[in-house]
PDB file of all heavy atoms in Angstrom:
ATOM      1  N   GLU A   1     103.853  94.123  89.674  1.00  0.00           N
ATOM      2  CA  GLU A   1     103.453  93.156  90.687  1.00  0.00           C
ATOM      3  C   GLU A   1     102.598  93.855  91.730  1.00  0.00           C
ATOM      4  O   GLU A   1     102.937  94.943  92.202  1.00  0.00           O
ATOM      5  CB  GLU A   1     104.700  92.563  91.350  1.00  0.00           C
ATOM      6  CG  GLU A   1     104.400  91.419  92.303  1.00  0.00           C
ATOM      7  CD  GLU A   1     105.656  90.773  92.855  1.00  0.00           C
ATOM      8  OE1 GLU A   1     106.755  91.048  92.322  1.00  0.00           O
ATOM      9  OE2 GLU A   1     105.529  90.009  93.837  1.00  0.00           O
ATOM     10  N   LYS A   2     101.467  93.246  92.071  1.00  0.00           N
ATOM     11  CA  LYS A   2     100.567  93.864  93.046  1.00  0.00           C
ATOM     12  C   LYS A   2     101.206  93.925  94.427  1.00  0.00           C
ATOM     13  O   LYS A   2     101.886  92.996  94.850  1.00  0.00           O
ATOM     14  CB  LYS A   2      99.248  93.093  93.102  1.00  0.00           C
ATOM     15  CG  LYS A   2      98.408  93.227  91.840  1.00  0.00           C
ATOM     16  CD  LYS A   2      97.059  92.551  91.997  1.00  0.00           C
ATOM     17  CE  LYS A   2      96.210  92.743  90.753  1.00  0.00           C
ATOM     18  NZ  LYS A   2      94.873  92.112  90.884  1.00  0.00           N
ATOM     19  N   ILE A   3     100.954  95.025  95.105  1.00  0.00           N
ATOM     20  CA  ILE A   3     101.532  95.267  96.423  1.00  0.00           C
ATOM     21  C   ILE A   3     100.415  95.638  97.392  1.00  0.00           C
ATOM     22  O   ILE A   3      99.529  96.426  97.053  1.00  0.00           O
ATOM     23  CB  ILE A   3     102.553  96.430  96.376  1.00  0.00           C
ATOM     24  CG1 ILE A   3     103.578  96.220  95.261  1.00  0.00           C
ATOM     25  CG2 ILE A   3     103.238  96.597  97.729  1.00  0.00           C
ATOM     26  CD1 ILE A   3     104.202  97.504  94.773  1.00  0.00           C
ATOM     27  N   THR A   4     100.469  95.102  98.583  1.00  0.00           N
ATOM     28  CA  THR A   4      99.546  95.507  99.640  1.00  0.00           C
ATOM     29  C   THR A   4     100.302  96.398 100.612  1.00  0.00           C
ATOM     30  O   THR A   4     101.302  95.967 101.199  1.00  0.00           O
ATOM     31  CB  THR A   4      98.992  94.283 100.390  1.00  0.00           C
ATOM     32  OG1 THR A   4      98.301  93.441  99.473  1.00  0.00           O
ATOM     33  CG2 THR A   4      98.041  94.721 101.498  1.00  0.00           C
ATOM     34  N   PRO A   5      99.876  97.645 100.773  1.00  0.00           N
ATOM     35  CA  PRO A   5     100.592  98.522 101.719  1.00  0.00           C
ATOM     36  C   PRO A   5     100.412  98.041 103.150  1.00  0.00           C
ATOM     37  O   PRO A   5      99.378  97.472 103.506  1.00  0.00           O
ATOM     38  CB  PRO A   5      99.934  99.885 101.496  1.00  0.00           C
ATOM     39  CG  PRO A   5      98.577  99.578 100.962  1.00  0.00           C
ATOM     40  CD  PRO A   5      98.731  98.319 100.150  1.00  0.00           C
ATOM     41  N   ASP A   6     101.405  98.287 103.968  1.00  0.00           N
ATOM     42  CA  ASP A   6     101.340  97.936 105.390  1.00  0.00           C
ATOM     43  C   ASP A   6     100.748  99.064 106.216  1.00  0.00           C
ATOM     44  O   ASP A   6     100.100  98.828 107.234  1.00  0.00           O
ATOM     45  CB  ASP A   6     102.740  97.593 105.909  1.00  0.00           C
ATOM     46  CG  ASP A   6     103.334  96.406 105.180  1.00  0.00           C
ATOM     47  OD1 ASP A   6     102.923  95.274 105.477  1.00  0.00           O
ATOM     48  OD2 ASP A   6     104.171  96.619 104.278  1.00  0.00           O
ATOM     49  N   ILE A   7     100.987 100.296 105.775  1.00  0.00           N
ATOM     50  CA  ILE A   7     100.521 101.471 106.503  1.00  0.00           C
ATOM     51  C   ILE A   7      99.988 102.477 105.494  1.00  0.00           C
ATOM     52  O   ILE A   7     100.671 102.795 104.517  1.00  0.00           O
ATOM     53  CB  ILE A   7     101.660 102.120 107.319  1.00  0.00           C
ATOM     54  CG1 ILE A   7     102.237 101.134 108.338  1.00  0.00           C
ATOM     55  CG2 ILE A   7     101.158 103.377 108.037  1.00  0.00           C
ATOM     56  CD1 ILE A   7     103.498 101.635 109.011  1.00  0.00           C
ATOM     57  N   THR A   8      98.766 102.944 105.694  1.00  0.00           N
ATOM     58  CA  THR A   8      98.255 104.043 104.884  1.00  0.00           C
ATOM     59  C   THR A   8      98.197 105.294 105.764  1.00  0.00           C
ATOM     60  O   THR A   8      97.798 105.224 106.923  1.00  0.00           O
ATOM     61  CB  THR A   8      96.865 103.744 104.302  1.00  0.00           C
ATOM     62  OG1 THR A   8      95.971 103.382 105.352  1.00  0.00           O
ATOM     63  CG2 THR A   8      96.952 102.611 103.287  1.00  0.00           C
ATOM     64  N   VAL A   9      98.620 106.398 105.191  1.00  0.00           N
ATOM     65  CA  VAL A   9      98.751 107.633 105.958  1.00  0.00           C
ATOM     66  C   VAL A   9      97.880 108.721 105.353  1.00  0.00           C
ATOM     67  O   VAL A   9      97.422 108.633 104.212  1.00  0.00           O
ATOM     68  CB  VAL A   9     100.215 108.109 106.013  1.00  0.00           C
ATOM     69  CG1 VAL A   9     101.064 107.136 106.810  1.00  0.00           C
ATOM     70  CG2 VAL A   9     100.790 108.290 104.606  1.00  0.00           C
ATOM     71  N   SER A  10      97.685 109.763 106.141  1.00  0.00           N
ATOM     72  CA  SER A  10      96.950 110.941 105.707  1.00  0.00           C
ATOM     73  C   SER A  10      97.634 112.163 106.304  1.00  0.00           C
ATOM     74  O   SER A  10      98.639 112.039 107.020  1.00  0.00           O
ATOM     75  CB  SER A  10      95.484 110.857 106.137  1.00  0.00           C
ATOM     76  OG  SER A  10      95.393 110.714 107.541  1.00  0.00           O
ATOM     77  N   ASP A  11      97.100 113.331 106.023  1.00  0.00           N
ATOM     78  CA  ASP A  11      97.725 114.553 106.507  1.00  0.00           C
ATOM     79  C   ASP A  11      97.851 114.543 108.027  1.00  0.00           C
ATOM     80  O   ASP A  11      96.900 114.257 108.752  1.00  0.00           O
ATOM     81  CB  ASP A  11      96.881 115.761 106.083  1.00  0.00           C
ATOM     82  CG  ASP A  11      97.574 117.068 106.366  1.00  0.00           C
ATOM     83  OD1 ASP A  11      98.716 117.228 105.920  1.00  0.00           O
ATOM     84  OD2 ASP A  11      96.961 117.932 107.031  1.00  0.00           O
ATOM     85  N   GLY A  12      99.059 114.814 108.505  1.00  0.00           N
ATOM     86  CA  GLY A  12      99.300 114.840 109.936  1.00  0.00           C
ATOM     87  C   GLY A  12      99.760 113.532 110.538  1.00  0.00           C
ATOM     88  O   GLY A  12     100.151 113.496 111.721  1.00  0.00           O
ATOM     89  N   SER A  13      99.723 112.456 109.749  1.00  0.00           N
ATOM     90  CA  SER A  13     100.224 111.176 110.262  1.00  0.00           C
ATOM     91  C   SER A  13     101.707 111.311 110.622  1.00  0.00           C
ATOM     92  O   SER A  13     102.435 112.109 110.029  1.00  0.00           O
ATOM     93  CB  SER A  13     100.064 110.070 109.217  1.00  0.00           C
ATOM     94  OG  SER A  13      98.708 109.785 108.958  1.00  0.00           O
ATOM     95  N   VAL A  14     102.132 110.510 111.591  1.00  0.00           N
ATOM     96  CA  VAL A  14     103.533 110.517 112.016  1.00  0.00           C
ATOM     97  C   VAL A  14     104.082 109.101 111.937  1.00  0.00           C
ATOM     98  O   VAL A  14     103.456 108.148 112.406  1.00  0.00           O
ATOM     99  CB  VAL A  14     103.674 111.061 113.455  1.00  0.00           C
ATOM    100  CG1 VAL A  14     105.098 110.869 113.972  1.00  0.00           C
ATOM    101  CG2 VAL A  14     103.290 112.530 113.506  1.00  0.00           C
ATOM    102  N   ILE A  15     105.235 108.963 111.322  1.00  0.00           N
ATOM    103  CA  ILE A  15     105.970 107.698 111.271  1.00  0.00           C
ATOM    104  C   ILE A  15     107.206 107.872 112.152  1.00  0.00           C
ATOM    105  O   ILE A  15     107.992 108.803 111.943  1.00  0.00           O
ATOM    106  CB  ILE A  15     106.390 107.346 109.830  1.00  0.00           C
ATOM    107  CG1 ILE A  15     105.184 107.231 108.907  1.00  0.00           C
ATOM    108  CG2 ILE A  15     107.218 106.071 109.812  1.00  0.00           C
ATOM    109  CD1 ILE A  15     104.264 106.081 109.216  1.00  0.00           C
ATOM    110  N   MET A  16     107.384 106.980 113.117  1.00  0.00           N
ATOM    111  CA  MET A  16     108.571 107.034 113.958  1.00  0.00           C
ATOM    112  C   MET A  16     109.607 106.045 113.422  1.00  0.00           C
ATOM    113  O   MET A  16     109.366 104.855 113.332  1.00  0.00           O
ATOM    114  CB  MET A  16     108.234 106.690 115.401  1.00  0.00           C
ATOM    115  CG  MET A  16     107.380 107.731 116.110  1.00  0.00           C
ATOM    116  SD  MET A  16     108.097 109.405 116.138  1.00  0.00           S
ATOM    117  CE  MET A  16     109.673 109.111 116.970  1.00  0.00           C
ATOM    118  N   LEU A  17     110.748 106.583 113.047  1.00  0.00           N
ATOM    119  CA  LEU A  17     111.880 105.784 112.602  1.00  0.00           C
ATOM    120  C   LEU A  17     112.916 105.854 113.714  1.00  0.00           C
ATOM    121  O   LEU A  17     113.707 106.795 113.783  1.00  0.00           O
ATOM    122  CB  LEU A  17     112.434 106.333 111.286  1.00  0.00           C
ATOM    123  CG  LEU A  17     113.651 105.604 110.698  1.00  0.00           C
ATOM    124  CD1 LEU A  17     113.259 104.206 110.219  1.00  0.00           C
ATOM    125  CD2 LEU A  17     114.245 106.420 109.548  1.00  0.00           C
ATOM    126  N   GLY A  18     112.885 104.872 114.602  1.00  0.00           N
ATOM    127  CA  GLY A  18     113.711 104.985 115.784  1.00  0.00           C
ATOM    128  C   GLY A  18     113.292 106.212 116.567  1.00  0.00           C
ATOM    129  O   GLY A  18     112.140 106.351 116.962  1.00  0.00           O
ATOM    130  N   GLU A  19     114.226 107.151 116.748  1.00  0.00           N
ATOM    131  CA  GLU A  19     113.921 108.386 117.455  1.00  0.00           C
ATOM    132  C   GLU A  19     113.615 109.551 116.507  1.00  0.00           C
ATOM    133  O   GLU A  19     113.380 110.668 116.950  1.00  0.00           O
ATOM    134  CB  GLU A  19     115.086 108.765 118.368  1.00  0.00           C
ATOM    135  CG  GLU A  19     115.324 107.743 119.483  1.00  0.00           C
ATOM    136  CD  GLU A  19     116.431 108.149 120.423  1.00  0.00           C
ATOM    137  OE1 GLU A  19     116.883 109.319 120.333  1.00  0.00           O
ATOM    138  OE2 GLU A  19     116.839 107.327 121.250  1.00  0.00           O
ATOM    139  N   THR A  20     113.606 109.271 115.212  1.00  0.00           N
ATOM    140  CA  THR A  20     113.336 110.307 114.215  1.00  0.00           C
ATOM    141  C   THR A  20     111.855 110.348 113.892  1.00  0.00           C
ATOM    142  O   THR A  20     111.263 109.344 113.499  1.00  0.00           O
ATOM    143  CB  THR A  20     114.140 110.061 112.929  1.00  0.00           C
ATOM    144  OG1 THR A  20     115.541 110.082 113.218  1.00  0.00           O
ATOM    145  CG2 THR A  20     113.841 111.121 111.884  1.00  0.00           C
ATOM    146  N   LYS A  21     111.275 111.521 114.055  1.00  0.00           N
ATOM    147  CA  LYS A  21     109.849 111.733 113.796  1.00  0.00           C
ATOM    148  C   LYS A  21     109.666 112.212 112.366  1.00  0.00           C
ATOM    149  O   LYS A  21     110.214 113.238 111.970  1.00  0.00           O
ATOM    150  CB  LYS A  21     109.287 112.751 114.790  1.00  0.00           C
ATOM    151  CG  LYS A  21     107.817 113.073 114.625  1.00  0.00           C
ATOM    152  CD  LYS A  21     107.391 114.101 115.679  1.00  0.00           C
ATOM    153  CE  LYS A  21     105.928 114.471 115.537  1.00  0.00           C
ATOM    154  NZ  LYS A  21     105.522 115.471 116.566  1.00  0.00           N
ATOM    155  N   ILE A  22     108.898 111.459 111.580  1.00  0.00           N
ATOM    156  CA  ILE A  22     108.635 111.813 110.195  1.00  0.00           C
ATOM    157  C   ILE A  22     107.159 112.171 110.074  1.00  0.00           C
ATOM    158  O   ILE A  22     106.283 111.339 110.310  1.00  0.00           O
ATOM    159  CB  ILE A  22     108.976 110.649 109.248  1.00  0.00           C
ATOM    160  CG1 ILE A  22     110.452 110.238 109.417  1.00  0.00           C
ATOM    161  CG2 ILE A  22     108.681 111.029 107.799  1.00  0.00           C
ATOM    162  CD1 ILE A  22     110.838 108.992 108.639  1.00  0.00           C
ATOM    163  N   LYS A  23     106.899 113.412 109.728  1.00  0.00           N
ATOM    164  CA  LYS A  23     105.512 113.889 109.624  1.00  0.00           C
ATOM    165  C   LYS A  23     105.050 113.880 108.168  1.00  0.00           C
ATOM    166  O   LYS A  23     105.804 114.226 107.264  1.00  0.00           O
ATOM    167  CB  LYS A  23     105.399 115.311 110.191  1.00  0.00           C
ATOM    168  CG  LYS A  23     103.985 115.845 110.216  1.00  0.00           C
ATOM    169  CD  LYS A  23     103.927 117.242 110.831  1.00  0.00           C
ATOM    170  CE  LYS A  23     102.499 117.781 110.839  1.00  0.00           C
ATOM    171  NZ  LYS A  23     102.430 119.150 111.413  1.00  0.00           N
ATOM    172  N   VAL A  24     103.805 113.483 107.968  1.00  0.00           N
ATOM    173  CA  VAL A  24     103.218 113.396 106.632  1.00  0.00           C
ATOM    174  C   VAL A  24     102.418 114.678 106.350  1.00  0.00           C
ATOM    175  O   VAL A  24     101.573 115.074 107.149  1.00  0.00           O
ATOM    176  CB  VAL A  24     102.304 112.172 106.512  1.00  0.00           C
ATOM    177  CG1 VAL A  24     101.643 112.131 105.128  1.00  0.00           C
ATOM    178  CG2 VAL A  24     103.083 110.885 106.773  1.00  0.00           C
ATOM    179  N   LEU A  25     102.707 115.300 105.211  1.00  0.00           N
ATOM    180  CA  LEU A  25     101.941 116.442 104.746  1.00  0.00           C
ATOM    181  C   LEU A  25     101.208 116.043 103.471  1.00  0.00           C
ATOM    182  O   LEU A  25     101.837 115.579 102.508  1.00  0.00           O
ATOM    183  CB  LEU A  25     102.852 117.635 104.443  1.00  0.00           C
ATOM    184  CG  LEU A  25     103.704 118.200 105.570  1.00  0.00           C
ATOM    185  CD1 LEU A  25     104.474 119.419 105.074  1.00  0.00           C
ATOM    186  CD2 LEU A  25     102.852 118.588 106.761  1.00  0.00           C
ATOM    187  N   SER A  26      99.910 116.194 103.454  1.00  0.00           N
ATOM    188  CA  SER A  26      99.135 115.912 102.251  1.00  0.00           C
ATOM    189  C   SER A  26      99.342 117.023 101.240  1.00  0.00           C
ATOM    190  O   SER A  26      99.107 118.198 101.532  1.00  0.00           O
ATOM    191  CB  SER A  26      97.650 115.790 102.615  1.00  0.00           C
ATOM    192  OG  SER A  26      96.874 115.588 101.440  1.00  0.00           O
ATOM    193  N   THR A  27      99.823 116.662 100.029  1.00  0.00           N
ATOM    194  CA  THR A  27     100.074 117.654  98.989  1.00  0.00           C
ATOM    195  C   THR A  27      99.550 117.146  97.644  1.00  0.00           C
ATOM    196  O   THR A  27     100.319 116.818  96.739  1.00  0.00           O
ATOM    197  CB  THR A  27     101.589 117.972  98.884  1.00  0.00           C
ATOM    198  OG1 THR A  27     102.322 116.746  98.721  1.00  0.00           O
ATOM    199  CG2 THR A  27     102.079 118.705 100.124  1.00  0.00           C
ATOM    200  N   PRO A  28      98.234 117.064  97.505  1.00  0.00           N
ATOM    201  CA  PRO A  28      97.658 116.568  96.253  1.00  0.00           C
ATOM    202  C   PRO A  28      97.898 117.534  95.101  1.00  0.00           C
ATOM    203  O   PRO A  28      98.227 118.707  95.305  1.00  0.00           O
ATOM    204  CB  PRO A  28      96.166 116.465  96.585  1.00  0.00           C
ATOM    205  CG  PRO A  28      95.950 117.490  97.646  1.00  0.00           C
ATOM    206  CD  PRO A  28      97.211 117.471  98.476  1.00  0.00           C
ATOM    207  N   GLY A  29      97.699 117.030  93.901  1.00  0.00           N
ATOM    208  CA  GLY A  29      97.854 117.851  92.708  1.00  0.00           C
ATOM    209  C   GLY A  29      98.493 117.069  91.587  1.00  0.00           C
ATOM    210  O   GLY A  29      97.954 116.959  90.490  1.00  0.00           O
ATOM    211  N   HIS A  30      99.664 116.481  91.850  1.00  0.00           N
ATOM    212  CA  HIS A  30     100.282 115.588  90.868  1.00  0.00           C
ATOM    213  C   HIS A  30      99.496 114.277  90.827  1.00  0.00           C
ATOM    214  O   HIS A  30      99.211 113.742  89.757  1.00  0.00           O
ATOM    215  CB  HIS A  30     101.740 115.341  91.242  1.00  0.00           C
ATOM    216  CG  HIS A  30     102.469 114.433  90.299  1.00  0.00           C
ATOM    217  ND1 HIS A  30     102.695 114.763  88.979  1.00  0.00           N
ATOM    218  CD2 HIS A  30     103.015 113.201  90.486  1.00  0.00           C
ATOM    219  CE1 HIS A  30     103.350 113.769  88.392  1.00  0.00           C
ATOM    220  NE2 HIS A  30     103.553 112.806  89.276  1.00  0.00           N
ATOM    221  N   THR A  31      99.162 113.764  91.999  1.00  0.00           N
ATOM    222  CA  THR A  31      98.192 112.685  92.155  1.00  0.00           C
ATOM    223  C   THR A  31      97.236 113.097  93.264  1.00  0.00           C
ATOM    224  O   THR A  31      97.510 114.017  94.019  1.00  0.00           O
ATOM    225  CB  THR A  31      98.848 111.343  92.529  1.00  0.00           C
ATOM    226  OG1 THR A  31      99.448 111.464  93.839  1.00  0.00           O
ATOM    227  CG2 THR A  31      99.893 110.909  91.522  1.00  0.00           C
ATOM    228  N   LYS A  32      96.143 112.382  93.355  1.00  0.00           N
ATOM    229  CA  LYS A  32      95.151 112.707  94.375  1.00  0.00           C
ATOM    230  C   LYS A  32      95.713 112.520  95.786  1.00  0.00           C
ATOM    231  O   LYS A  32      95.357 113.244  96.712  1.00  0.00           O
ATOM    232  CB  LYS A  32      93.915 111.825  94.196  1.00  0.00           C
ATOM    233  CG  LYS A  32      92.757 112.151  95.136  1.00  0.00           C
ATOM    234  CD  LYS A  32      92.260 113.581  94.948  1.00  0.00           C
ATOM    235  CE  LYS A  32      91.598 113.788  93.611  1.00  0.00           C
ATOM    236  NZ  LYS A  32      91.015 115.162  93.481  1.00  0.00           N
ATOM    237  N   GLY A  33      96.612 111.564  95.954  1.00  0.00           N
ATOM    238  CA  GLY A  33      97.127 111.266  97.279  1.00  0.00           C
ATOM    239  C   GLY A  33      98.597 111.550  97.467  1.00  0.00           C
ATOM    240  O   GLY A  33      99.256 110.932  98.312  1.00  0.00           O
ATOM    241  N   GLY A  34      99.141 112.490  96.715  1.00  0.00           N
ATOM    242  CA  GLY A  34     100.551 112.837  96.882  1.00  0.00           C
ATOM    243  C   GLY A  34     100.835 113.370  98.273  1.00  0.00           C
ATOM    244  O   GLY A  34     100.033 114.124  98.834  1.00  0.00           O
TER     245      GLY A  34
END
């Protein structure tokens, strides 16, 4: 089923989950956008 993402991220992006800071690290290789 087709899905539209709500948030697209890149290296260094930060997602705040309440008071928890989740940092995105770009690690391509398995896929281009892993």
